[in-house]
Amino acid sequence: MLFHSQVSTRDEALSETLHGLCCDPNTPVCMIRGVCPLVDIDLQLFSSKSIAKAQPAHEMEVREQVRVVHVHIETNYLLLVHVHSISGAIF
């Protein structure tokens, strides 16, 4: 089961109700949108550039994530859209 939610206030993002839904073993996948700006998390700290600057000696792998937008079953045609790059430092 997939749980998907959009939060619009800090209280909603930090609520016990949302925490309970995210930690429920019957909901293995949770997608919560809008949390980072509400709780003052600066996502620029996790960019490829910031990671490379902070740890220049560490190897970094950058992967591209794609999203399947349309699947045509009869012809096996996939329409893929480039979403964004994912960076990760390897320690």
Protein backbone atom coordinates (compact mmCIF):
# COMPACT_ATOMS: atom_id res chain seq x y z
CA MET A 1 0.00 0.00 0.00
CA LEU A 2 1.28 3.46 -0.92
CA PHE A 3 0.57 6.43 1.31
CA HIS A 4 0.82 9.83 -0.40
CA SER A 5 0.27 13.18 1.27
CA GLN A 6 0.95 16.88 0.80
CA VAL A 7 1.62 18.87 3.96
CA SER A 8 1.09 22.60 4.11
CA THR A 9 1.94 23.56 7.69
CA ARG A 10 4.81 22.83 10.07
CA ASP A 11 2.38 21.40 12.64
CA GLU A 12 0.96 19.02 10.04
CA ALA A 13 4.47 17.90 8.98
CA LEU A 14 5.47 17.17 12.59
CA SER A 15 2.14 15.69 13.70
CA GLU A 16 1.82 12.40 15.55
CA THR A 17 -0.83 11.32 13.03
CA LEU A 18 1.56 11.65 10.09
CA HIS A 19 4.35 9.99 12.07
CA GLY A 20 2.05 7.07 12.87
CA LEU A 21 1.06 6.63 9.22
CA CYS A 22 4.69 6.68 8.09
CA CYS A 23 5.76 4.14 10.72
CA ASP A 24 2.82 1.79 10.16
CA PRO A 25 4.09 -1.61 8.93
CA ASN A 26 0.97 -1.89 6.75
CA THR A 27 2.17 1.15 4.79
CA PRO A 28 5.63 0.21 3.48
CA VAL A 29 5.87 3.20 1.10
CA CYS A 30 5.13 6.78 2.17
CA MET A 31 5.55 9.85 -0.01
CA ILE A 32 5.15 13.15 1.81
CA ARG A 33 5.48 16.33 -0.24
CA GLY A 34 6.34 19.76 1.09
CA VAL A 35 8.11 18.78 4.33
CA CYS A 36 11.60 20.23 3.74
CA PRO A 37 10.67 23.92 3.41
CA LEU A 38 8.28 23.67 6.37
CA VAL A 39 10.92 22.30 8.75
CA ASP A 40 13.77 24.46 7.38
CA ILE A 41 15.83 21.73 5.71
CA ASP A 42 18.19 23.23 3.12
CA LEU A 43 18.38 20.68 0.30
CA GLN A 44 21.31 22.55 -1.26
CA LEU A 45 23.47 20.94 1.44
CA PHE A 46 22.91 17.63 -0.35
CA SER A 47 23.72 18.76 -3.90
CA SER A 48 26.60 17.24 -5.85
CA LYS A 49 28.49 20.52 -5.68
CA SER A 50 28.11 20.85 -1.88
CA ILE A 51 29.13 17.25 -1.24
CA ALA A 52 32.20 17.54 -3.50
CA LYS A 53 33.22 20.79 -1.81
CA ALA A 54 32.83 19.38 1.71
CA GLN A 55 34.55 16.04 0.97
CA PRO A 56 36.75 16.46 -2.13
CA ALA A 57 38.71 13.24 -1.51
CA HIS A 58 35.64 11.01 -1.48
CA GLU A 59 34.36 9.35 -4.62
CA MET A 60 30.87 10.40 -5.68
CA GLU A 61 28.43 8.60 -7.93
CA VAL A 62 25.77 10.57 -9.80
CA ARG A 63 22.80 8.70 -11.20
CA GLU A 64 19.93 9.93 -13.31
CA GLN A 65 16.42 8.98 -12.31
CA VAL A 66 13.75 8.58 -14.97
CA ARG A 67 10.02 8.33 -14.60
CA VAL A 68 7.79 6.15 -16.77
CA VAL A 69 5.05 8.43 -18.05
CA HIS A 70 3.29 6.14 -20.46
CA VAL A 71 3.40 2.42 -21.23
CA HIS A 72 1.72 1.12 -24.37
CA ILE A 73 1.26 -2.60 -23.66
CA GLU A 74 0.61 -3.76 -27.23
CA THR A 75 3.81 -2.27 -28.67
CA ASN A 76 5.95 -2.29 -25.48
CA TYR A 77 6.50 1.44 -26.03
CA LEU A 78 7.74 3.38 -23.00
CA LEU A 79 7.74 7.15 -22.69
CA LEU A 80 10.47 8.11 -20.20
CA VAL A 81 11.01 11.57 -18.79
CA HIS A 82 14.26 12.69 -17.18
CA VAL A 83 13.38 13.80 -13.65
CA HIS A 84 16.62 14.75 -11.93
CA SER A 85 20.06 13.57 -10.95
CA ILE A 86 20.72 11.80 -7.68
CA SER A 87 24.07 12.29 -5.99
CA GLY A 88 25.60 10.15 -3.34
CA ALA A 89 28.92 10.15 -1.63
CA ILE A 90 30.57 6.79 -1.26
CA PHE A 91 32.41 6.45 2.03
